[in-house]
Amino acid sequence: LAFRDVNPQAPVHVLIVPKRVIPRLADAGPNDRELLGELLLAASEVAKKLGLKTGFRVVINSGPDAGESVPHLHVHLLGQRQMSWPPG
């Protein structure tokens, strides 16, 4: 499932959410490898569909210190602006 974030942090900000609930990345185990790979491939596919040819960022927040606000693992796809480092 992929949809635009209601509080975008970039001109393109899409959330990619798996159907199966894993509360956070720190809770993922060996049986979740395929799902985690599918999330990254889905992010790449969405980026291609949205024409993000000059680059994009993929973010997974895990835990309150990382800014996690929903206890369901998901990927943020951000694009169409120059990203800086370090983030935040």
PDB file of N, CA and C in Angstrom:
ATOM      1  N   LEU A   1       0.855  -1.173   0.000  1.00  0.00           N
ATOM      2  CA  LEU A   1       0.000   0.000   0.000  1.00  0.00           C
ATOM      3  C   LEU A   1       0.897   1.230   0.000  1.00  0.00           C
ATOM      4  N   ALA A   2       0.673   2.151  -0.923  1.00  0.00           N
ATOM      5  CA  ALA A   2       1.454   3.387  -0.997  1.00  0.00           C
ATOM      6  C   ALA A   2       0.498   4.568  -1.142  1.00  0.00           C
ATOM      7  N   PHE A   3       0.769   5.626  -0.382  1.00  0.00           N
ATOM      8  CA  PHE A   3      -0.067   6.825  -0.449  1.00  0.00           C
ATOM      9  C   PHE A   3       0.751   8.027  -0.011  1.00  0.00           C
ATOM     10  N   ARG A   4       0.306   9.211  -0.416  1.00  0.00           N
ATOM     11  CA  ARG A   4       1.015  10.450  -0.076  1.00  0.00           C
ATOM     12  C   ARG A   4       0.824  10.782   1.397  1.00  0.00           C
ATOM     13  N   ASP A   5       1.897  11.268   2.020  1.00  0.00           N
ATOM     14  CA  ASP A   5       1.870  11.643   3.434  1.00  0.00           C
ATOM     15  C   ASP A   5       0.992  12.882   3.613  1.00  0.00           C
ATOM     16  N   VAL A   6       0.196  12.916   4.682  1.00  0.00           N
ATOM     17  CA  VAL A   6      -0.675  14.066   4.948  1.00  0.00           C
ATOM     18  C   VAL A   6       0.109  15.262   5.483  1.00  0.00           C
ATOM     19  N   ASN A   7       1.342  15.050   5.920  1.00  0.00           N
ATOM     20  CA  ASN A   7       2.214  16.116   6.412  1.00  0.00           C
ATOM     21  C   ASN A   7       3.554  16.009   5.681  1.00  0.00           C
ATOM     22  N   PRO A   8       3.573  16.329   4.382  1.00  0.00           N
ATOM     23  CA  PRO A   8       4.770  16.076   3.581  1.00  0.00           C
ATOM     24  C   PRO A   8       5.985  16.890   4.019  1.00  0.00           C
ATOM     25  N   GLN A   9       7.138  16.229   3.967  1.00  0.00           N
ATOM     26  CA  GLN A   9       8.409  16.854   4.299  1.00  0.00           C
ATOM     27  C   GLN A   9       9.245  17.127   3.053  1.00  0.00           C
ATOM     28  N   ALA A  10       8.666  16.884   1.890  1.00  0.00           N
ATOM     29  CA  ALA A  10       9.294  17.134   0.595  1.00  0.00           C
ATOM     30  C   ALA A  10       8.165  17.234  -0.429  1.00  0.00           C
ATOM     31  N   PRO A  11       8.450  17.808  -1.609  1.00  0.00           N
ATOM     32  CA  PRO A  11       7.402  17.877  -2.626  1.00  0.00           C
ATOM     33  C   PRO A  11       6.776  16.514  -2.939  1.00  0.00           C
ATOM     34  N   VAL A  12       7.581  15.471  -2.920  1.00  0.00           N
ATOM     35  CA  VAL A  12       7.064  14.103  -3.010  1.00  0.00           C
ATOM     36  C   VAL A  12       7.365  13.428  -1.680  1.00  0.00           C
ATOM     37  N   HIS A  13       6.342  12.985  -0.984  1.00  0.00           N
ATOM     38  CA  HIS A  13       6.502  12.262   0.287  1.00  0.00           C
ATOM     39  C   HIS A  13       5.427  11.184   0.310  1.00  0.00           C
ATOM     40  N   VAL A  14       5.858   9.963   0.034  1.00  0.00           N
ATOM     41  CA  VAL A  14       4.950   8.823  -0.056  1.00  0.00           C
ATOM     42  C   VAL A  14       5.273   7.842   1.061  1.00  0.00           C
ATOM     43  N   LEU A  15       4.237   7.297   1.676  1.00  0.00           N
ATOM     44  CA  LEU A  15       4.400   6.240   2.669  1.00  0.00           C
ATOM     45  C   LEU A  15       4.113   4.907   1.990  1.00  0.00           C
ATOM     46  N   ILE A  16       4.971   3.940   2.251  1.00  0.00           N
ATOM     47  CA  ILE A  16       4.795   2.593   1.723  1.00  0.00           C
ATOM     48  C   ILE A  16       4.644   1.678   2.928  1.00  0.00           C
ATOM     49  N   VAL A  17       3.466   1.064   3.042  1.00  0.00           N
ATOM     50  CA  VAL A  17       3.090   0.332   4.255  1.00  0.00           C
ATOM     51  C   VAL A  17       2.763  -1.118   3.895  1.00  0.00           C
ATOM     52  N   PRO A  18       3.401  -2.073   4.560  1.00  0.00           N
ATOM     53  CA  PRO A  18       3.051  -3.469   4.304  1.00  0.00           C
ATOM     54  C   PRO A  18       1.727  -3.834   4.972  1.00  0.00           C
ATOM     55  N   LYS A  19       1.056  -4.835   4.442  1.00  0.00           N
ATOM     56  CA  LYS A  19      -0.196  -5.290   5.060  1.00  0.00           C
ATOM     57  C   LYS A  19       0.065  -5.936   6.411  1.00  0.00           C
ATOM     58  N   ARG A  20       1.138  -6.730   6.475  1.00  0.00           N
ATOM     59  CA  ARG A  20       1.466  -7.409   7.732  1.00  0.00           C
ATOM     60  C   ARG A  20       2.095  -6.410   8.697  1.00  0.00           C
ATOM     61  N   VAL A  21       1.636  -6.418   9.927  1.00  0.00           N
ATOM     62  CA  VAL A  21       2.116  -5.462  10.930  1.00  0.00           C
ATOM     63  C   VAL A  21       3.387  -5.978  11.596  1.00  0.00           C
ATOM     64  N   ILE A  22       4.420  -5.151  11.516  1.00  0.00           N
ATOM     65  CA  ILE A  22       5.623  -5.281  12.332  1.00  0.00           C
ATOM     66  C   ILE A  22       5.691  -3.936  13.047  1.00  0.00           C
ATOM     67  N   PRO A  23       5.645  -3.904  14.376  1.00  0.00           N
ATOM     68  CA  PRO A  23       5.577  -2.618  15.068  1.00  0.00           C
ATOM     69  C   PRO A  23       6.700  -1.647  14.687  1.00  0.00           C
ATOM     70  N   ARG A  24       7.929  -2.131  14.619  1.00  0.00           N
ATOM     71  CA  ARG A  24       9.049  -1.273  14.219  1.00  0.00           C
ATOM     72  C   ARG A  24      10.169  -2.149  13.689  1.00  0.00           C
ATOM     73  N   LEU A  25      11.118  -1.526  13.029  1.00  0.00           N
ATOM     74  CA  LEU A  25      12.216  -2.269  12.420  1.00  0.00           C
ATOM     75  C   LEU A  25      12.964  -3.106  13.452  1.00  0.00           C
ATOM     76  N   ALA A  26      13.120  -2.587  14.652  1.00  0.00           N
ATOM     77  CA  ALA A  26      13.818  -3.319  15.709  1.00  0.00           C
ATOM     78  C   ALA A  26      13.096  -4.612  16.084  1.00  0.00           C
ATOM     79  N   ASP A  27      11.830  -4.744  15.724  1.00  0.00           N
ATOM     80  CA  ASP A  27      11.058  -5.955  16.017  1.00  0.00           C
ATOM     81  C   ASP A  27      11.094  -6.967  14.872  1.00  0.00           C
ATOM     82  N   ALA A  28      11.690  -6.596  13.752  1.00  0.00           N
ATOM     83  CA  ALA A  28      11.755  -7.503  12.606  1.00  0.00           C
ATOM     84  C   ALA A  28      12.733  -8.635  12.901  1.00  0.00           C
ATOM     85  N   GLY A  29      12.424  -9.799  12.361  1.00  0.00           N
ATOM     86  CA  GLY A  29      13.281 -10.960  12.564  1.00  0.00           C
ATOM     87  C   GLY A  29      13.643 -11.616  11.248  1.00  0.00           C
ATOM     88  N   PRO A  30      14.340 -12.739  11.311  1.00  0.00           N
ATOM     89  CA  PRO A  30      14.757 -13.442  10.095  1.00  0.00           C
ATOM     90  C   PRO A  30      13.597 -13.790   9.161  1.00  0.00           C
ATOM     91  N   ASN A  31      12.425 -14.044   9.703  1.00  0.00           N
ATOM     92  CA  ASN A  31      11.271 -14.381   8.865  1.00  0.00           C
ATOM     93  C   ASN A  31      10.712 -13.180   8.116  1.00  0.00           C
ATOM     94  N   ASP A  32      11.202 -11.977   8.424  1.00  0.00           N
ATOM     95  CA  ASP A  32      10.710 -10.748   7.792  1.00  0.00           C
ATOM     96  C   ASP A  32      11.607 -10.276   6.653  1.00  0.00           C
ATOM     97  N   ARG A  33      12.634 -11.040   6.326  1.00  0.00           N
ATOM     98  CA  ARG A  33      13.584 -10.609   5.282  1.00  0.00           C
ATOM     99  C   ARG A  33      12.897 -10.338   3.951  1.00  0.00           C
ATOM    100  N   GLU A  34      12.032 -11.221   3.533  1.00  0.00           N
ATOM    101  CA  GLU A  34      11.364 -11.041   2.242  1.00  0.00           C
ATOM    102  C   GLU A  34      10.496  -9.786   2.255  1.00  0.00           C
ATOM    103  N   LEU A  35       9.745  -9.580   3.317  1.00  0.00           N
ATOM    104  CA  LEU A  35       8.891  -8.396   3.423  1.00  0.00           C
ATOM    105  C   LEU A  35       9.735  -7.121   3.375  1.00  0.00           C
ATOM    106  N   LEU A  36      10.858  -7.099   4.084  1.00  0.00           N
ATOM    107  CA  LEU A  36      11.715  -5.909   4.092  1.00  0.00           C
ATOM    108  C   LEU A  36      12.284  -5.638   2.705  1.00  0.00           C
ATOM    109  N   GLY A  37      12.678  -6.679   2.006  1.00  0.00           N
ATOM    110  CA  GLY A  37      13.155  -6.506   0.639  1.00  0.00           C
ATOM    111  C   GLY A  37      12.061  -5.994  -0.280  1.00  0.00           C
ATOM    112  N   GLU A  38      10.859  -6.510  -0.114  1.00  0.00           N
ATOM    113  CA  GLU A  38       9.724  -6.062  -0.928  1.00  0.00           C
ATOM    114  C   GLU A  38       9.421  -4.587  -0.693  1.00  0.00           C
ATOM    115  N   LEU A  39       9.592  -4.117   0.546  1.00  0.00           N
ATOM    116  CA  LEU A  39       9.368  -2.695   0.835  1.00  0.00           C
ATOM    117  C   LEU A  39      10.342  -1.820   0.049  1.00  0.00           C
ATOM    118  N   LEU A  40      11.612  -2.219   0.013  1.00  0.00           N
ATOM    119  CA  LEU A  40      12.603  -1.431  -0.725  1.00  0.00           C
ATOM    120  C   LEU A  40      12.342  -1.480  -2.225  1.00  0.00           C
ATOM    121  N   LEU A  41      11.978  -2.634  -2.736  1.00  0.00           N
ATOM    122  CA  LEU A  41      11.648  -2.733  -4.157  1.00  0.00           C
ATOM    123  C   LEU A  41      10.404  -1.914  -4.494  1.00  0.00           C
ATOM    124  N   ALA A  42       9.431  -1.899  -3.596  1.00  0.00           N
ATOM    125  CA  ALA A  42       8.231  -1.079  -3.805  1.00  0.00           C
ATOM    126  C   ALA A  42       8.599   0.401  -3.832  1.00  0.00           C
ATOM    127  N   ALA A  43       9.510   0.819  -2.950  1.00  0.00           N
ATOM    128  CA  ALA A  43       9.951   2.221  -2.941  1.00  0.00           C
ATOM    129  C   ALA A  43      10.596   2.579  -4.275  1.00  0.00           C
ATOM    130  N   SER A  44      11.417   1.697  -4.797  1.00  0.00           N
ATOM    131  CA  SER A  44      12.053   1.938  -6.091  1.00  0.00           C
ATOM    132  C   SER A  44      11.020   2.029  -7.208  1.00  0.00           C
ATOM    133  N   GLU A  45      10.040   1.161  -7.181  1.00  0.00           N
ATOM    134  CA  GLU A  45       8.980   1.165  -8.196  1.00  0.00           C
ATOM    135  C   GLU A  45       8.158   2.453  -8.138  1.00  0.00           C
ATOM    136  N   VAL A  46       7.798   2.889  -6.938  1.00  0.00           N
ATOM    137  CA  VAL A  46       7.036   4.134  -6.782  1.00  0.00           C
ATOM    138  C   VAL A  46       7.870   5.316  -7.276  1.00  0.00           C
ATOM    139  N   ALA A  47       9.158   5.340  -6.930  1.00  0.00           N
ATOM    140  CA  ALA A  47      10.039   6.425  -7.377  1.00  0.00           C
ATOM    141  C   ALA A  47      10.085   6.491  -8.902  1.00  0.00           C
ATOM    142  N   LYS A  48      10.167   5.349  -9.552  1.00  0.00           N
ATOM    143  CA  LYS A  48      10.169   5.323 -11.021  1.00  0.00           C
ATOM    144  C   LYS A  48       8.852   5.855 -11.572  1.00  0.00           C
ATOM    145  N   LYS A  49       7.731   5.404 -10.998  1.00  0.00           N
ATOM    146  CA  LYS A  49       6.413   5.846 -11.473  1.00  0.00           C
ATOM    147  C   LYS A  49       6.225   7.349 -11.304  1.00  0.00           C
ATOM    148  N   LEU A  50       6.845   7.920 -10.260  1.00  0.00           N
ATOM    149  CA  LEU A  50       6.711   9.355 -10.000  1.00  0.00           C
ATOM    150  C   LEU A  50       7.785  10.177 -10.708  1.00  0.00           C
ATOM    151  N   GLY A  51       8.645   9.523 -11.464  1.00  0.00           N
ATOM    152  CA  GLY A  51       9.654  10.230 -12.246  1.00  0.00           C
ATOM    153  C   GLY A  51      10.775  10.845 -11.428  1.00  0.00           C
ATOM    154  N   LEU A  52      11.138  10.226 -10.327  1.00  0.00           N
ATOM    155  CA  LEU A  52      12.210  10.754  -9.471  1.00  0.00           C
ATOM    156  C   LEU A  52      13.569  10.322 -10.024  1.00  0.00           C
ATOM    157  N   LYS A  53      13.919  10.870 -11.196  1.00  0.00           N
ATOM    158  CA  LYS A  53      15.117  10.443 -11.921  1.00  0.00           C
ATOM    159  C   LYS A  53      16.410  10.990 -11.339  1.00  0.00           C
ATOM    160  N   THR A  54      16.352  12.112 -10.623  1.00  0.00           N
ATOM    161  CA  THR A  54      17.589  12.704 -10.099  1.00  0.00           C
ATOM    162  C   THR A  54      17.883  12.282  -8.670  1.00  0.00           C
ATOM    163  N   GLY A  55      17.039  11.434  -8.105  1.00  0.00           N
ATOM    164  CA  GLY A  55      17.315  10.898  -6.776  1.00  0.00           C
ATOM    165  C   GLY A  55      16.123  10.975  -5.845  1.00  0.00           C
ATOM    166  N   PHE A  56      16.229  10.194  -4.794  1.00  0.00           N
ATOM    167  CA  PHE A  56      15.196  10.166  -3.762  1.00  0.00           C
ATOM    168  C   PHE A  56      15.815   9.602  -2.499  1.00  0.00           C
ATOM    169  N   ARG A  57      15.124   9.757  -1.389  1.00  0.00           N
ATOM    170  CA  ARG A  57      15.578   9.235  -0.100  1.00  0.00           C
ATOM    171  C   ARG A  57      14.524   8.280   0.431  1.00  0.00           C
ATOM    172  N   VAL A  58      14.986   7.181   1.036  1.00  0.00           N
ATOM    173  CA  VAL A  58      14.124   6.202   1.683  1.00  0.00           C
ATOM    174  C   VAL A  58      14.467   6.216   3.162  1.00  0.00           C
ATOM    175  N   VAL A  59      13.439   6.361   4.012  1.00  0.00           N
ATOM    176  CA  VAL A  59      13.646   6.474   5.457  1.00  0.00           C
ATOM    177  C   VAL A  59      12.732   5.496   6.177  1.00  0.00           C
ATOM    178  N   ILE A  60      13.277   4.842   7.208  1.00  0.00           N
ATOM    179  CA  ILE A  60      12.479   4.044   8.140  1.00  0.00           C
ATOM    180  C   ILE A  60      12.786   4.570   9.533  1.00  0.00           C
ATOM    181  N   ASN A  61      11.787   5.106  10.208  1.00  0.00           N
ATOM    182  CA  ASN A  61      11.945   5.553  11.590  1.00  0.00           C
ATOM    183  C   ASN A  61      11.596   4.389  12.507  1.00  0.00           C
ATOM    184  N   SER A  62      12.460   4.122  13.489  1.00  0.00           N
ATOM    185  CA  SER A  62      12.232   3.000  14.397  1.00  0.00           C
ATOM    186  C   SER A  62      12.385   3.481  15.831  1.00  0.00           C
ATOM    187  N   GLY A  63      11.259   3.707  16.494  1.00  0.00           N
ATOM    188  CA  GLY A  63      11.279   4.145  17.887  1.00  0.00           C
ATOM    189  C   GLY A  63      11.043   5.635  18.031  1.00  0.00           C
ATOM    190  N   PRO A  64      10.662   6.070  19.228  1.00  0.00           N
ATOM    191  CA  PRO A  64      10.315   7.475  19.453  1.00  0.00           C
ATOM    192  C   PRO A  64      11.469   8.447  19.216  1.00  0.00           C
ATOM    193  N   ASP A  65      12.690   8.072  19.527  1.00  0.00           N
ATOM    194  CA  ASP A  65      13.817   8.981  19.295  1.00  0.00           C
ATOM    195  C   ASP A  65      14.076   9.214  17.813  1.00  0.00           C
ATOM    196  N   ALA A  66      13.605   8.313  16.978  1.00  0.00           N
ATOM    197  CA  ALA A  66      13.770   8.450  15.529  1.00  0.00           C
ATOM    198  C   ALA A  66      12.617   9.214  14.890  1.00  0.00           C
ATOM    199  N   GLY A  67      11.602   9.533  15.676  1.00  0.00           N
ATOM    200  CA  GLY A  67      10.446  10.240  15.141  1.00  0.00           C
ATOM    201  C   GLY A  67       9.315   9.329  14.718  1.00  0.00           C
ATOM    202  N   GLU A  68       9.387   8.069  15.113  1.00  0.00           N
ATOM    203  CA  GLU A  68       8.305   7.138  14.779  1.00  0.00           C
ATOM    204  C   GLU A  68       7.026   7.585  15.479  1.00  0.00           C
ATOM    205  N   SER A  69       5.946   7.724  14.714  1.00  0.00           N
ATOM    206  CA  SER A  69       4.680   8.171  15.304  1.00  0.00           C
ATOM    207  C   SER A  69       3.583   7.117  15.205  1.00  0.00           C
ATOM    208  N   VAL A  70       3.803   6.092  14.400  1.00  0.00           N
ATOM    209  CA  VAL A  70       2.816   5.029  14.208  1.00  0.00           C
ATOM    210  C   VAL A  70       3.519   3.690  14.421  1.00  0.00           C
ATOM    211  N   PRO A  71       3.014   2.837  15.325  1.00  0.00           N
ATOM    212  CA  PRO A  71       3.678   1.558  15.582  1.00  0.00           C
ATOM    213  C   PRO A  71       3.352   0.496  14.526  1.00  0.00           C
ATOM    214  N   HIS A  72       3.671   0.814  13.277  1.00  0.00           N
ATOM    215  CA  HIS A  72       3.495  -0.108  12.153  1.00  0.00           C
ATOM    216  C   HIS A  72       4.606   0.248  11.166  1.00  0.00           C
ATOM    217  N   LEU A  73       5.572  -0.641  11.018  1.00  0.00           N
ATOM    218  CA  LEU A  73       6.708  -0.397  10.136  1.00  0.00           C
ATOM    219  C   LEU A  73       6.242   0.106   8.775  1.00  0.00           C
ATOM    220  N   HIS A  74       6.859   1.179   8.307  1.00  0.00           N
ATOM    221  CA  HIS A  74       6.567   1.712   6.986  1.00  0.00           C
ATOM    222  C   HIS A  74       7.787   2.469   6.481  1.00  0.00           C
ATOM    223  N   VAL A  75       7.818   2.713   5.189  1.00  0.00           N
ATOM    224  CA  VAL A  75       8.920   3.399   4.527  1.00  0.00           C
ATOM    225  C   VAL A  75       8.430   4.761   4.058  1.00  0.00           C
ATOM    226  N   HIS A  76       9.259   5.784   4.277  1.00  0.00           N
ATOM    227  CA  HIS A  76       9.012   7.115   3.724  1.00  0.00           C
ATOM    228  C   HIS A  76       9.855   7.243   2.460  1.00  0.00           C
ATOM    229  N   LEU A  77       9.238   7.630   1.363  1.00  0.00           N
ATOM    230  CA  LEU A  77       9.933   7.925   0.118  1.00  0.00           C
ATOM    231  C   LEU A  77       9.836   9.428  -0.091  1.00  0.00           C
ATOM    232  N   LEU A  78      10.987  10.100  -0.128  1.00  0.00           N
ATOM    233  CA  LEU A  78      11.025  11.557  -0.258  1.00  0.00           C
ATOM    234  C   LEU A  78      11.783  11.940  -1.525  1.00  0.00           C
ATOM    235  N   GLY A  79      11.270  12.939  -2.241  1.00  0.00           N
ATOM    236  CA  GLY A  79      11.950  13.358  -3.452  1.00  0.00           C
ATOM    237  C   GLY A  79      11.521  14.723  -3.933  1.00  0.00           C
ATOM    238  N   GLN A  80      12.117  15.118  -5.059  1.00  0.00           N
ATOM    239  CA  GLN A  80      11.907  16.395  -5.741  1.00  0.00           C
ATOM    240  C   GLN A  80      12.399  17.585  -4.939  1.00  0.00           C
ATOM    241  N   ARG A  81      13.411  17.370  -4.110  1.00  0.00           N
ATOM    242  CA  ARG A  81      14.134  18.482  -3.493  1.00  0.00           C
ATOM    243  C   ARG A  81      15.520  17.987  -3.140  1.00  0.00           C
ATOM    244  N   GLN A  82      16.443  18.913  -3.002  1.00  0.00           N
ATOM    245  CA  GLN A  82      17.807  18.570  -2.609  1.00  0.00           C
ATOM    246  C   GLN A  82      17.805  18.152  -1.149  1.00  0.00           C
ATOM    247  N   MET A  83      18.274  16.963  -0.862  1.00  0.00           N
ATOM    248  CA  MET A  83      18.364  16.474   0.512  1.00  0.00           C
ATOM    249  C   MET A  83      19.723  16.871   1.081  1.00  0.00           C
ATOM    250  N   SER A  84      19.767  17.120   2.370  1.00  0.00           N
ATOM    251  CA  SER A  84      21.041  17.472   3.004  1.00  0.00           C
ATOM    252  C   SER A  84      21.461  16.354   3.949  1.00  0.00           C
ATOM    253  N   TRP A  85      22.726  16.409   4.364  1.00  0.00           N
ATOM    254  CA  TRP A  85      23.261  15.437   5.313  1.00  0.00           C
ATOM    255  C   TRP A  85      24.116  16.177   6.310  1.00  0.00           C
ATOM    256  N   PRO A  86      24.008  15.954   7.583  1.00  0.00           N
ATOM    257  CA  PRO A  86      23.132  14.954   8.173  1.00  0.00           C
ATOM    258  C   PRO A  86      21.679  15.426   8.179  1.00  0.00           C
ATOM    259  N   PRO A  87      20.750  14.460   8.142  1.00  0.00           N
ATOM    260  CA  PRO A  87      19.334  14.831   8.190  1.00  0.00           C
ATOM    261  C   PRO A  87      18.937  15.283   9.583  1.00  0.00           C
ATOM    262  N   GLY A  88      17.865  16.033   9.666  1.00  0.00           N
ATOM    263  CA  GLY A  88      17.329  16.453  10.960  1.00  0.00           C
ATOM    264  C   GLY A  88      18.177  17.346  11.643  1.00  0.00           C
TER     265      GLY A  88
END
